[in-house]
Amino acid sequence: MLQAVFVALTLHPHIQNKARAKLDAVVGPQRLPDFGDEDALVYVRALIKEALRWHIVVPLGVPHRTIADDVLPHTCWHHGHVEYLAYEDPDEFRPERFILDGTLNRKIQDPVWSRQKVP
């Protein structure tokens, strides 16, 4: 998962800069963040959720995969990986998808705890 974050932030330096600015605004340069800062670090939490959604920690379907895109109700099988239709533009790395009015949007499917649920 950490490798996925490094790849994503390398490919999208504007996201890295925004996360760094948000982190510096909350904790400053003098200390590391702790669990007390969690509610104030909405963008960083959204970035972690997006990294988990974008790059699954455990590969699924490694021994077999589709040879063409196939859309079933509520699920899109796209050349070997599953992306739920709950995510708009699933191929984009966009942490903002998890934020609504400055807080985490609870209506967006959590990439970790609800991977088995179909919307």
PDB file of N, CA and C in Angstrom:
ATOM      1  N   MET A   1       0.826  -1.178   0.000  1.00  0.00           N
ATOM      2  CA  MET A   1       0.000   0.000   0.000  1.00  0.00           C
ATOM      3  C   MET A   1       0.875   1.247   0.000  1.00  0.00           C
ATOM      4  N   LEU A   2       1.942   1.203   0.755  1.00  0.00           N
ATOM      5  CA  LEU A   2       2.846   2.350   0.800  1.00  0.00           C
ATOM      6  C   LEU A   2       3.452   2.624  -0.576  1.00  0.00           C
ATOM      7  N   GLN A   3       3.752   1.564  -1.319  1.00  0.00           N
ATOM      8  CA  GLN A   3       4.278   1.747  -2.676  1.00  0.00           C
ATOM      9  C   GLN A   3       3.247   2.423  -3.566  1.00  0.00           C
ATOM     10  N   ALA A   4       1.984   2.079  -3.387  1.00  0.00           N
ATOM     11  CA  ALA A   4       0.918   2.702  -4.177  1.00  0.00           C
ATOM     12  C   ALA A   4       0.834   4.197  -3.888  1.00  0.00           C
ATOM     13  N   VAL A   5       1.001   4.565  -2.627  1.00  0.00           N
ATOM     14  CA  VAL A   5       0.981   5.985  -2.270  1.00  0.00           C
ATOM     15  C   VAL A   5       2.162   6.705  -2.909  1.00  0.00           C
ATOM     16  N   PHE A   6       3.344   6.101  -2.862  1.00  0.00           N
ATOM     17  CA  PHE A   6       4.516   6.724  -3.488  1.00  0.00           C
ATOM     18  C   PHE A   6       4.318   6.894  -4.997  1.00  0.00           C
ATOM     19  N   VAL A   7       3.772   5.891  -5.646  1.00  0.00           N
ATOM     20  CA  VAL A   7       3.520   5.985  -7.090  1.00  0.00           C
ATOM     21  C   VAL A   7       2.498   7.078  -7.377  1.00  0.00           C
ATOM     22  N   ALA A   8       1.409   7.081  -6.618  1.00  0.00           N
ATOM     23  CA  ALA A   8       0.352   8.070  -6.847  1.00  0.00           C
ATOM     24  C   ALA A   8       0.864   9.489  -6.639  1.00  0.00           C
ATOM     25  N   LEU A   9       1.626   9.708  -5.576  1.00  0.00           N
ATOM     26  CA  LEU A   9       2.116  11.057  -5.306  1.00  0.00           C
ATOM     27  C   LEU A   9       3.198  11.480  -6.287  1.00  0.00           C
ATOM     28  N   THR A  10       3.926  10.518  -6.831  1.00  0.00           N
ATOM     29  CA  THR A  10       4.910  10.836  -7.868  1.00  0.00           C
ATOM     30  C   THR A  10       4.216  11.208  -9.171  1.00  0.00           C
ATOM     31  N   LEU A  11       3.156  10.488  -9.496  1.00  0.00           N
ATOM     32  CA  LEU A  11       2.409  10.765 -10.723  1.00  0.00           C
ATOM     33  C   LEU A  11       1.559  12.036 -10.619  1.00  0.00           C
ATOM     34  N   HIS A  12       1.197  12.403  -9.405  1.00  0.00           N
ATOM     35  CA  HIS A  12       0.315  13.559  -9.187  1.00  0.00           C
ATOM     36  C   HIS A  12       0.932  14.505  -8.157  1.00  0.00           C
ATOM     37  N   PRO A  13       1.964  15.256  -8.531  1.00  0.00           N
ATOM     38  CA  PRO A  13       2.635  16.131  -7.559  1.00  0.00           C
ATOM     39  C   PRO A  13       1.722  17.222  -6.988  1.00  0.00           C
ATOM     40  N   HIS A  14       0.696  17.630  -7.730  1.00  0.00           N
ATOM     41  CA  HIS A  14      -0.222  18.640  -7.201  1.00  0.00           C
ATOM     42  C   HIS A  14      -0.990  18.107  -5.992  1.00  0.00           C
ATOM     43  N   ILE A  15      -1.291  16.809  -5.981  1.00  0.00           N
ATOM     44  CA  ILE A  15      -1.958  16.194  -4.830  1.00  0.00           C
ATOM     45  C   ILE A  15      -0.995  16.128  -3.648  1.00  0.00           C
ATOM     46  N   GLN A  16       0.249  15.788  -3.926  1.00  0.00           N
ATOM     47  CA  GLN A  16       1.264  15.752  -2.875  1.00  0.00           C
ATOM     48  C   GLN A  16       1.433  17.133  -2.248  1.00  0.00           C
ATOM     49  N   ASN A  17       1.498  18.169  -3.075  1.00  0.00           N
ATOM     50  CA  ASN A  17       1.653  19.538  -2.571  1.00  0.00           C
ATOM     51  C   ASN A  17       0.460  19.970  -1.728  1.00  0.00           C
ATOM     52  N   LYS A  18      -0.737  19.602  -2.170  1.00  0.00           N
ATOM     53  CA  LYS A  18      -1.941  19.959  -1.417  1.00  0.00           C
ATOM     54  C   LYS A  18      -1.967  19.231  -0.069  1.00  0.00           C
ATOM     55  N   ALA A  19      -1.627  17.941  -0.059  1.00  0.00           N
ATOM     56  CA  ALA A  19      -1.600  17.185   1.193  1.00  0.00           C
ATOM     57  C   ALA A  19      -0.548  17.749   2.143  1.00  0.00           C
ATOM     58  N   ARG A  20       0.596  18.114   1.610  1.00  0.00           N
ATOM     59  CA  ARG A  20       1.666  18.695   2.436  1.00  0.00           C
ATOM     60  C   ARG A  20       1.227  20.027   3.036  1.00  0.00           C
ATOM     61  N   ALA A  21       0.553  20.852   2.241  1.00  0.00           N
ATOM     62  CA  ALA A  21       0.074  22.146   2.737  1.00  0.00           C
ATOM     63  C   ALA A  21      -0.961  21.950   3.848  1.00  0.00           C
ATOM     64  N   LYS A  22      -1.874  20.999   3.665  1.00  0.00           N
ATOM     65  CA  LYS A  22      -2.895  20.725   4.690  1.00  0.00           C
ATOM     66  C   LYS A  22      -2.239  20.192   5.959  1.00  0.00           C
ATOM     67  N   LEU A  23      -1.254  19.314   5.799  1.00  0.00           N
ATOM     68  CA  LEU A  23      -0.543  18.747   6.944  1.00  0.00           C
ATOM     69  C   LEU A  23       0.231  19.834   7.693  1.00  0.00           C
ATOM     70  N   ASP A  24       0.916  20.700   6.959  1.00  0.00           N
ATOM     71  CA  ASP A  24       1.668  21.794   7.583  1.00  0.00           C
ATOM     72  C   ASP A  24       0.743  22.782   8.293  1.00  0.00           C
ATOM     73  N   ALA A  25      -0.448  22.996   7.734  1.00  0.00           N
ATOM     74  CA  ALA A  25      -1.388  23.927   8.361  1.00  0.00           C
ATOM     75  C   ALA A  25      -1.899  23.396   9.701  1.00  0.00           C
ATOM     76  N   VAL A  26      -2.008  22.088   9.826  1.00  0.00           N
ATOM     77  CA  VAL A  26      -2.537  21.504  11.056  1.00  0.00           C
ATOM     78  C   VAL A  26      -1.443  21.272  12.090  1.00  0.00           C
ATOM     79  N   VAL A  27      -0.345  20.639  11.707  1.00  0.00           N
ATOM     80  CA  VAL A  27       0.677  20.276  12.698  1.00  0.00           C
ATOM     81  C   VAL A  27       1.911  21.157  12.655  1.00  0.00           C
ATOM     82  N   GLY A  28       2.125  21.862  11.566  1.00  0.00           N
ATOM     83  CA  GLY A  28       3.301  22.714  11.452  1.00  0.00           C
ATOM     84  C   GLY A  28       4.573  21.903  11.278  1.00  0.00           C
ATOM     85  N   PRO A  29       5.708  22.584  11.204  1.00  0.00           N
ATOM     86  CA  PRO A  29       6.972  21.884  10.955  1.00  0.00           C
ATOM     87  C   PRO A  29       7.637  21.328  12.227  1.00  0.00           C
ATOM     88  N   GLN A  30       7.062  21.597  13.404  1.00  0.00           N
ATOM     89  CA  GLN A  30       7.731  21.254  14.652  1.00  0.00           C
ATOM     90  C   GLN A  30       7.393  19.870  15.206  1.00  0.00           C
ATOM     91  N   ARG A  31       6.328  19.237  14.732  1.00  0.00           N
ATOM     92  CA  ARG A  31       5.942  17.938  15.299  1.00  0.00           C
ATOM     93  C   ARG A  31       5.299  17.046  14.250  1.00  0.00           C
ATOM     94  N   LEU A  32       5.151  15.785  14.600  1.00  0.00           N
ATOM     95  CA  LEU A  32       4.470  14.826  13.737  1.00  0.00           C
ATOM     96  C   LEU A  32       2.986  14.793  14.095  1.00  0.00           C
ATOM     97  N   PRO A  33       2.128  14.414  13.161  1.00  0.00           N
ATOM     98  CA  PRO A  33       0.702  14.318  13.492  1.00  0.00           C
ATOM     99  C   PRO A  33       0.456  13.154  14.455  1.00  0.00           C
ATOM    100  N   ASP A  34      -0.598  13.292  15.250  1.00  0.00           N
ATOM    101  CA  ASP A  34      -1.010  12.194  16.112  1.00  0.00           C
ATOM    102  C   ASP A  34      -2.512  11.981  15.933  1.00  0.00           C
ATOM    103  N   PHE A  35      -3.075  11.035  16.683  1.00  0.00           N
ATOM    104  CA  PHE A  35      -4.491  10.704  16.497  1.00  0.00           C
ATOM    105  C   PHE A  35      -5.417  11.858  16.856  1.00  0.00           C
ATOM    106  N   GLY A  36      -4.949  12.781  17.665  1.00  0.00           N
ATOM    107  CA  GLY A  36      -5.750  13.961  17.989  1.00  0.00           C
ATOM    108  C   GLY A  36      -5.941  14.893  16.806  1.00  0.00           C
ATOM    109  N   ASP A  37      -5.084  14.785  15.817  1.00  0.00           N
ATOM    110  CA  ASP A  37      -5.174  15.622  14.614  1.00  0.00           C
ATOM    111  C   ASP A  37      -6.051  15.011  13.526  1.00  0.00           C
ATOM    112  N   GLU A  38      -6.532  13.808  13.751  1.00  0.00           N
ATOM    113  CA  GLU A  38      -7.221  13.054  12.701  1.00  0.00           C
ATOM    114  C   GLU A  38      -8.414  13.803  12.103  1.00  0.00           C
ATOM    115  N   ASP A  39      -9.237  14.418  12.936  1.00  0.00           N
ATOM    116  CA  ASP A  39     -10.416  15.119  12.418  1.00  0.00           C
ATOM    117  C   ASP A  39     -10.049  16.350  11.597  1.00  0.00           C
ATOM    118  N   ALA A  40      -8.909  16.947  11.872  1.00  0.00           N
ATOM    119  CA  ALA A  40      -8.481  18.137  11.134  1.00  0.00           C
ATOM    120  C   ALA A  40      -7.762  17.788   9.834  1.00  0.00           C
ATOM    121  N   LEU A  41      -7.355  16.540   9.674  1.00  0.00           N
ATOM    122  CA  LEU A  41      -6.612  16.122   8.472  1.00  0.00           C
ATOM    123  C   LEU A  41      -7.528  15.374   7.499  1.00  0.00           C
ATOM    124  N   VAL A  42      -8.595  16.022   7.109  1.00  0.00           N
ATOM    125  CA  VAL A  42      -9.590  15.410   6.228  1.00  0.00           C
ATOM    126  C   VAL A  42      -8.973  15.038   4.885  1.00  0.00           C
ATOM    127  N   TYR A  43      -8.188  15.940   4.300  1.00  0.00           N
ATOM    128  CA  TYR A  43      -7.616  15.667   2.974  1.00  0.00           C
ATOM    129  C   TYR A  43      -6.624  14.503   3.025  1.00  0.00           C
ATOM    130  N   VAL A  44      -5.842  14.420   4.085  1.00  0.00           N
ATOM    131  CA  VAL A  44      -4.882  13.328   4.209  1.00  0.00           C
ATOM    132  C   VAL A  44      -5.620  12.003   4.391  1.00  0.00           C
ATOM    133  N   ARG A  45      -6.693  12.002   5.164  1.00  0.00           N
ATOM    134  CA  ARG A  45      -7.500  10.781   5.324  1.00  0.00           C
ATOM    135  C   ARG A  45      -8.136  10.376   3.997  1.00  0.00           C
ATOM    136  N   ALA A  46      -8.613  11.362   3.236  1.00  0.00           N
ATOM    137  CA  ALA A  46      -9.191  11.071   1.920  1.00  0.00           C
ATOM    138  C   ALA A  46      -8.126  10.535   0.972  1.00  0.00           C
ATOM    139  N   LEU A  47      -6.902  11.042   1.066  1.00  0.00           N
ATOM    140  CA  LEU A  47      -5.805  10.555   0.230  1.00  0.00           C
ATOM    141  C   LEU A  47      -5.517   9.078   0.548  1.00  0.00           C
ATOM    142  N   ILE A  48      -5.549   8.705   1.807  1.00  0.00           N
ATOM    143  CA  ILE A  48      -5.323   7.312   2.192  1.00  0.00           C
ATOM    144  C   ILE A  48      -6.445   6.421   1.663  1.00  0.00           C
ATOM    145  N   LYS A  49      -7.684   6.870   1.791  1.00  0.00           N
ATOM    146  CA  LYS A  49      -8.808   6.100   1.246  1.00  0.00           C
ATOM    147  C   LYS A  49      -8.678   5.928  -0.267  1.00  0.00           C
ATOM    148  N   GLU A  50      -8.279   7.001  -0.943  1.00  0.00           N
ATOM    149  CA  GLU A  50      -8.124   6.939  -2.394  1.00  0.00           C
ATOM    150  C   GLU A  50      -7.001   5.987  -2.787  1.00  0.00           C
ATOM    151  N   ALA A  51      -5.909   5.973  -2.020  1.00  0.00           N
ATOM    152  CA  ALA A  51      -4.810   5.044  -2.306  1.00  0.00           C
ATOM    153  C   ALA A  51      -5.267   3.598  -2.131  1.00  0.00           C
ATOM    154  N   LEU A  52      -6.075   3.336  -1.117  1.00  0.00           N
ATOM    155  CA  LEU A  52      -6.605   1.980  -0.910  1.00  0.00           C
ATOM    156  C   LEU A  52      -7.578   1.594  -2.021  1.00  0.00           C
ATOM    157  N   ARG A  53      -8.359   2.563  -2.510  1.00  0.00           N
ATOM    158  CA  ARG A  53      -9.294   2.278  -3.598  1.00  0.00           C
ATOM    159  C   ARG A  53      -8.551   2.078  -4.916  1.00  0.00           C
ATOM    160  N   TRP A  54      -7.555   2.897  -5.143  1.00  0.00           N
ATOM    161  CA  TRP A  54      -6.832   2.920  -6.419  1.00  0.00           C
ATOM    162  C   TRP A  54      -5.944   1.699  -6.599  1.00  0.00           C
ATOM    163  N   HIS A  55      -5.331   1.255  -5.514  1.00  0.00           N
ATOM    164  CA  HIS A  55      -4.433   0.104  -5.581  1.00  0.00           C
ATOM    165  C   HIS A  55      -4.779  -0.854  -4.444  1.00  0.00           C
ATOM    166  N   ILE A  56      -5.472  -1.906  -4.779  1.00  0.00           N
ATOM    167  CA  ILE A  56      -5.907  -2.880  -3.780  1.00  0.00           C
ATOM    168  C   ILE A  56      -4.681  -3.524  -3.153  1.00  0.00           C
ATOM    169  N   VAL A  57      -4.695  -3.658  -1.827  1.00  0.00           N
ATOM    170  CA  VAL A  57      -3.559  -4.219  -1.115  1.00  0.00           C
ATOM    171  C   VAL A  57      -3.342  -5.682  -1.481  1.00  0.00           C
ATOM    172  N   VAL A  58      -4.429  -6.443  -1.556  1.00  0.00           N
ATOM    173  CA  VAL A  58      -4.345  -7.854  -1.929  1.00  0.00           C
ATOM    174  C   VAL A  58      -4.853  -7.984  -3.358  1.00  0.00           C
ATOM    175  N   PRO A  59      -4.029  -8.463  -4.278  1.00  0.00           N
ATOM    176  CA  PRO A  59      -4.490  -8.585  -5.667  1.00  0.00           C
ATOM    177  C   PRO A  59      -5.621  -9.602  -5.792  1.00  0.00           C
ATOM    178  N   LEU A  60      -6.626  -9.201  -6.536  1.00  0.00           N
ATOM    179  CA  LEU A  60      -7.770 -10.084  -6.765  1.00  0.00           C
ATOM    180  C   LEU A  60      -7.749 -10.584  -8.202  1.00  0.00           C
ATOM    181  N   GLY A  61      -8.083 -11.803  -8.413  1.00  0.00           N
ATOM    182  CA  GLY A  61      -8.192 -12.330  -9.763  1.00  0.00           C
ATOM    183  C   GLY A  61      -6.863 -12.491 -10.471  1.00  0.00           C
ATOM    184  N   VAL A  62      -5.794 -12.756  -9.757  1.00  0.00           N
ATOM    185  CA  VAL A  62      -4.490 -12.902 -10.391  1.00  0.00           C
ATOM    186  C   VAL A  62      -4.438 -14.103 -11.327  1.00  0.00           C
ATOM    187  N   PRO A  63      -4.945 -15.290 -10.931  1.00  0.00           N
ATOM    188  CA  PRO A  63      -4.821 -16.441 -11.820  1.00  0.00           C
ATOM    189  C   PRO A  63      -5.685 -16.346 -13.083  1.00  0.00           C
ATOM    190  N   HIS A  64      -6.734 -15.553 -13.056  1.00  0.00           N
ATOM    191  CA  HIS A  64      -7.609 -15.455 -14.220  1.00  0.00           C
ATOM    192  C   HIS A  64      -8.112 -14.026 -14.354  1.00  0.00           C
ATOM    193  N   ARG A  65      -8.443 -13.654 -15.579  1.00  0.00           N
ATOM    194  CA  ARG A  65      -8.957 -12.318 -15.828  1.00  0.00           C
ATOM    195  C   ARG A  65      -9.766 -12.315 -17.116  1.00  0.00           C
ATOM    196  N   THR A  66     -10.558 -11.283 -17.311  1.00  0.00           N
ATOM    197  CA  THR A  66     -11.354 -11.195 -18.519  1.00  0.00           C
ATOM    198  C   THR A  66     -10.474 -10.753 -19.682  1.00  0.00           C
ATOM    199  N   ILE A  67     -10.897 -11.086 -20.875  1.00  0.00           N
ATOM    200  CA  ILE A  67     -10.145 -10.659 -22.052  1.00  0.00           C
ATOM    201  C   ILE A  67     -10.764  -9.403 -22.664  1.00  0.00           C
ATOM    202  N   ALA A  68     -11.938  -9.005 -22.153  1.00  0.00           N
ATOM    203  CA  ALA A  68     -12.595  -7.783 -22.606  1.00  0.00           C
ATOM    204  C   ALA A  68     -13.431  -7.242 -21.461  1.00  0.00           C
ATOM    205  N   ASP A  69     -13.761  -5.944 -21.519  1.00  0.00           N
ATOM    206  CA  ASP A  69     -14.599  -5.347 -20.486  1.00  0.00           C
ATOM    207  C   ASP A  69     -15.962  -6.025 -20.484  1.00  0.00           C
ATOM    208  N   ASP A  70     -16.520  -6.218 -19.290  1.00  0.00           N
ATOM    209  CA  ASP A  70     -17.826  -6.836 -19.152  1.00  0.00           C
ATOM    210  C   ASP A  70     -18.556  -6.123 -18.029  1.00  0.00           C
ATOM    211  N   VAL A  71     -19.718  -5.584 -18.304  1.00  0.00           N
ATOM    212  CA  VAL A  71     -20.467  -4.850 -17.299  1.00  0.00           C
ATOM    213  C   VAL A  71     -21.644  -5.691 -16.835  1.00  0.00           C
ATOM    214  N   LEU A  72     -21.683  -5.956 -15.538  1.00  0.00           N
ATOM    215  CA  LEU A  72     -22.788  -6.639 -14.893  1.00  0.00           C
ATOM    216  C   LEU A  72     -23.534  -5.602 -14.066  1.00  0.00           C
ATOM    217  N   PRO A  73     -24.737  -5.898 -13.595  1.00  0.00           N
ATOM    218  CA  PRO A  73     -25.442  -4.906 -12.774  1.00  0.00           C
ATOM    219  C   PRO A  73     -24.608  -4.478 -11.560  1.00  0.00           C
ATOM    220  N   HIS A  74     -24.336  -3.203 -11.445  1.00  0.00           N
ATOM    221  CA  HIS A  74     -23.628  -2.566 -10.332  1.00  0.00           C
ATOM    222  C   HIS A  74     -22.144  -2.879 -10.264  1.00  0.00           C
ATOM    223  N   THR A  75     -21.590  -3.642 -11.167  1.00  0.00           N
ATOM    224  CA  THR A  75     -20.169  -3.989 -11.112  1.00  0.00           C
ATOM    225  C   THR A  75     -19.588  -3.942 -12.513  1.00  0.00           C
ATOM    226  N   CYS A  76     -18.392  -3.435 -12.638  1.00  0.00           N
ATOM    227  CA  CYS A  76     -17.717  -3.396 -13.927  1.00  0.00           C
ATOM    228  C   CYS A  76     -16.442  -4.215 -13.826  1.00  0.00           C
ATOM    229  N   TRP A  77     -16.339  -5.294 -14.569  1.00  0.00           N
ATOM    230  CA  TRP A  77     -15.127  -6.108 -14.619  1.00  0.00           C
ATOM    231  C   TRP A  77     -14.292  -5.548 -15.756  1.00  0.00           C
ATOM    232  N   HIS A  78     -13.176  -4.962 -15.420  1.00  0.00           N
ATOM    233  CA  HIS A  78     -12.371  -4.262 -16.412  1.00  0.00           C
ATOM    234  C   HIS A  78     -10.998  -4.912 -16.515  1.00  0.00           C
ATOM    235  N   HIS A  79     -10.821  -5.784 -17.453  1.00  0.00           N
ATOM    236  CA  HIS A  79      -9.537  -6.436 -17.714  1.00  0.00           C
ATOM    237  C   HIS A  79      -8.836  -6.929 -16.453  1.00  0.00           C
ATOM    238  N   GLY A  80      -9.525  -7.658 -15.608  1.00  0.00           N
ATOM    239  CA  GLY A  80      -8.856  -8.308 -14.496  1.00  0.00           C
ATOM    240  C   GLY A  80      -9.031  -7.665 -13.148  1.00  0.00           C
ATOM    241  N   HIS A  81      -9.653  -6.494 -13.052  1.00  0.00           N
ATOM    242  CA  HIS A  81      -9.913  -5.945 -11.728  1.00  0.00           C
ATOM    243  C   HIS A  81     -11.332  -5.406 -11.660  1.00  0.00           C
ATOM    244  N   VAL A  82     -11.858  -5.346 -10.464  1.00  0.00           N
ATOM    245  CA  VAL A  82     -13.237  -4.917 -10.259  1.00  0.00           C
ATOM    246  C   VAL A  82     -13.247  -3.482  -9.775  1.00  0.00           C
ATOM    247  N   GLU A  83     -14.045  -2.663 -10.394  1.00  0.00           N
ATOM    248  CA  GLU A  83     -14.283  -1.311  -9.897  1.00  0.00           C
ATOM    249  C   GLU A  83     -15.791  -1.154  -9.769  1.00  0.00           C
ATOM    250  N   TYR A  84     -16.240  -0.815  -8.598  1.00  0.00           N
ATOM    251  CA  TYR A  84     -17.658  -0.612  -8.402  1.00  0.00           C
ATOM    252  C   TYR A  84     -18.089   0.677  -9.080  1.00  0.00           C
ATOM    253  N   LEU A  85     -19.284   0.670  -9.594  1.00  0.00           N
ATOM    254  CA  LEU A  85     -19.798   1.841 -10.283  1.00  0.00           C
ATOM    255  C   LEU A  85     -20.109   2.979  -9.314  1.00  0.00           C
ATOM    256  N   ALA A  86     -19.890   2.751  -8.025  1.00  0.00           N
ATOM    257  CA  ALA A  86     -20.102   3.795  -7.032  1.00  0.00           C
ATOM    258  C   ALA A  86     -19.075   4.911  -7.169  1.00  0.00           C
ATOM    259  N   TYR A  87     -17.946   4.636  -7.823  1.00  0.00           N
ATOM    260  CA  TYR A  87     -16.891   5.630  -7.957  1.00  0.00           C
ATOM    261  C   TYR A  87     -16.953   6.275  -9.338  1.00  0.00           C
ATOM    262  N   GLU A  88     -17.085   7.590  -9.355  1.00  0.00           N
ATOM    263  CA  GLU A  88     -17.053   8.329 -10.614  1.00  0.00           C
ATOM    264  C   GLU A  88     -15.603   8.411 -11.088  1.00  0.00           C
ATOM    265  N   ASP A  89     -15.360   8.187 -12.355  1.00  0.00           N
ATOM    266  CA  ASP A  89     -14.014   8.187 -12.939  1.00  0.00           C
ATOM    267  C   ASP A  89     -13.049   7.312 -12.137  1.00  0.00           C
ATOM    268  N   PRO A  90     -13.289   5.998 -12.080  1.00  0.00           N
ATOM    269  CA  PRO A  90     -12.502   5.121 -11.209  1.00  0.00           C
ATOM    270  C   PRO A  90     -11.019   5.024 -11.560  1.00  0.00           C
ATOM    271  N   ASP A  91     -10.627   5.357 -12.780  1.00  0.00           N
ATOM    272  CA  ASP A  91      -9.212   5.268 -13.146  1.00  0.00           C
ATOM    273  C   ASP A  91      -8.409   6.487 -12.706  1.00  0.00           C
ATOM    274  N   GLU A  92      -9.082   7.546 -12.292  1.00  0.00           N
ATOM    275  CA  GLU A  92      -8.398   8.755 -11.836  1.00  0.00           C
ATOM    276  C   GLU A  92      -8.033   8.636 -10.368  1.00  0.00           C
ATOM    277  N   PHE A  93      -6.863   9.162 -10.008  1.00  0.00           N
ATOM    278  CA  PHE A  93      -6.482   9.265  -8.597  1.00  0.00           C
ATOM    279  C   PHE A  93      -6.943  10.626  -8.124  1.00  0.00           C
ATOM    280  N   ARG A  94      -8.048  10.645  -7.368  1.00  0.00           N
ATOM    281  CA  ARG A  94      -8.669  11.905  -6.969  1.00  0.00           C
ATOM    282  C   ARG A  94      -9.196  11.793  -5.531  1.00  0.00           C
ATOM    283  N   PRO A  95      -8.391  12.177  -4.532  1.00  0.00           N
ATOM    284  CA  PRO A  95      -8.833  12.083  -3.139  1.00  0.00           C
ATOM    285  C   PRO A  95     -10.081  12.913  -2.824  1.00  0.00           C
ATOM    286  N   GLU A  96     -10.336  13.951  -3.597  1.00  0.00           N
ATOM    287  CA  GLU A  96     -11.481  14.821  -3.347  1.00  0.00           C
ATOM    288  C   GLU A  96     -12.810  14.078  -3.439  1.00  0.00           C
ATOM    289  N   ARG A  97     -12.833  12.918  -4.078  1.00  0.00           N
ATOM    290  CA  ARG A  97     -14.085  12.169  -4.206  1.00  0.00           C
ATOM    291  C   ARG A  97     -14.634  11.763  -2.838  1.00  0.00           C
ATOM    292  N   PHE A  98     -13.783  11.697  -1.829  1.00  0.00           N
ATOM    293  CA  PHE A  98     -14.206  11.279  -0.495  1.00  0.00           C
ATOM    294  C   PHE A  98     -14.544  12.454   0.413  1.00  0.00           C
ATOM    295  N   ILE A  99     -14.507  13.681  -0.103  1.00  0.00           N
ATOM    296  CA  ILE A  99     -14.751  14.876   0.720  1.00  0.00           C
ATOM    297  C   ILE A  99     -16.019  15.573   0.248  1.00  0.00           C
ATOM    298  N   LEU A 100     -16.852  15.952   1.218  1.00  0.00           N
ATOM    299  CA  LEU A 100     -18.063  16.717   0.937  1.00  0.00           C
ATOM    300  C   LEU A 100     -18.199  17.784   2.021  1.00  0.00           C
ATOM    301  N   ASP A 101     -18.226  19.028   1.637  1.00  0.00           N
ATOM    302  CA  ASP A 101     -18.370  20.167   2.562  1.00  0.00           C
ATOM    303  C   ASP A 101     -17.316  20.153   3.668  1.00  0.00           C
ATOM    304  N   GLY A 102     -16.081  19.816   3.320  1.00  0.00           N
ATOM    305  CA  GLY A 102     -14.987  19.881   4.274  1.00  0.00           C
ATOM    306  C   GLY A 102     -14.863  18.709   5.226  1.00  0.00           C
ATOM    307  N   THR A 103     -15.710  17.702   5.076  1.00  0.00           N
ATOM    308  CA  THR A 103     -15.618  16.503   5.913  1.00  0.00           C
ATOM    309  C   THR A 103     -15.633  15.272   5.015  1.00  0.00           C
ATOM    310  N   LEU A 104     -15.290  14.121   5.591  1.00  0.00           N
ATOM    311  CA  LEU A 104     -15.347  12.888   4.809  1.00  0.00           C
ATOM    312  C   LEU A 104     -16.787  12.571   4.462  1.00  0.00           C
ATOM    313  N   ASN A 105     -17.029  12.257   3.221  1.00  0.00           N
ATOM    314  CA  ASN A 105     -18.372  11.940   2.740  1.00  0.00           C
ATOM    315  C   ASN A 105     -18.674  10.483   3.070  1.00  0.00           C
ATOM    316  N   ARG A 106     -19.561  10.257   3.998  1.00  0.00           N
ATOM    317  CA  ARG A 106     -19.903   8.894   4.434  1.00  0.00           C
ATOM    318  C   ARG A 106     -20.756   8.149   3.405  1.00  0.00           C
ATOM    319  N   LYS A 107     -21.285   8.872   2.414  1.00  0.00           N
ATOM    320  CA  LYS A 107     -22.110   8.224   1.387  1.00  0.00           C
ATOM    321  C   LYS A 107     -21.268   7.548   0.308  1.00  0.00           C
ATOM    322  N   ILE A 108     -19.992   7.918   0.216  1.00  0.00           N
ATOM    323  CA  ILE A 108     -19.094   7.273  -0.742  1.00  0.00           C
ATOM    324  C   ILE A 108     -18.630   5.967  -0.137  1.00  0.00           C
ATOM    325  N   GLN A 109     -18.701   4.928  -0.911  1.00  0.00           N
ATOM    326  CA  GLN A 109     -18.351   3.592  -0.431  1.00  0.00           C
ATOM    327  C   GLN A 109     -16.904   3.539   0.053  1.00  0.00           C
ATOM    328  N   ASP A 110     -16.706   3.040   1.260  1.00  0.00           N
ATOM    329  CA  ASP A 110     -15.364   2.914   1.822  1.00  0.00           C
ATOM    330  C   ASP A 110     -14.615   1.821   1.070  1.00  0.00           C
ATOM    331  N   PRO A 111     -13.405   2.098   0.599  1.00  0.00           N
ATOM    332  CA  PRO A 111     -12.684   1.108  -0.210  1.00  0.00           C
ATOM    333  C   PRO A 111     -12.194  -0.098   0.562  1.00  0.00           C
ATOM    334  N   VAL A 112     -12.176  -0.035   1.889  1.00  0.00           N
ATOM    335  CA  VAL A 112     -11.667  -1.152   2.669  1.00  0.00           C
ATOM    336  C   VAL A 112     -12.808  -2.000   3.221  1.00  0.00           C
ATOM    337  N   TRP A 113     -13.725  -1.385   3.934  1.00  0.00           N
ATOM    338  CA  TRP A 113     -14.713  -2.138   4.687  1.00  0.00           C
ATOM    339  C   TRP A 113     -15.891  -2.601   3.845  1.00  0.00           C
ATOM    340  N   SER A 114     -16.112  -2.033   2.700  1.00  0.00           N
ATOM    341  CA  SER A 114     -17.297  -2.420   1.926  1.00  0.00           C
ATOM    342  C   SER A 114     -16.939  -2.936   0.543  1.00  0.00           C
ATOM    343  N   ARG A 115     -15.764  -3.509   0.393  1.00  0.00           N
ATOM    344  CA  ARG A 115     -15.343  -3.990  -0.914  1.00  0.00           C
ATOM    345  C   ARG A 115     -16.258  -5.083  -1.433  1.00  0.00           C
ATOM    346  N   GLN A 116     -16.880  -5.865  -0.571  1.00  0.00           N
ATOM    347  CA  GLN A 116     -17.727  -6.959  -1.009  1.00  0.00           C
ATOM    348  C   GLN A 116     -19.165  -6.539  -1.292  1.00  0.00           C
ATOM    349  N   LYS A 117     -19.539  -5.311  -0.922  1.00  0.00           N
ATOM    350  CA  LYS A 117     -20.908  -4.848  -1.109  1.00  0.00           C
ATOM    351  C   LYS A 117     -21.069  -4.234  -2.499  1.00  0.00           C
ATOM    352  N   VAL A 118     -22.208  -4.447  -3.081  1.00  0.00           N
ATOM    353  CA  VAL A 118     -22.537  -3.842  -4.371  1.00  0.00           C
ATOM    354  C   VAL A 118     -23.587  -2.779  -4.090  1.00  0.00           C
ATOM    355  N   PRO A 119     -23.400  -1.537  -4.559  1.00  0.00           N
ATOM    356  CA  PRO A 119     -24.343  -0.465  -4.258  1.00  0.00           C
ATOM    357  C   PRO A 119     -25.723  -0.728  -4.826  1.00  0.00           C
TER     358      PRO A 119
END
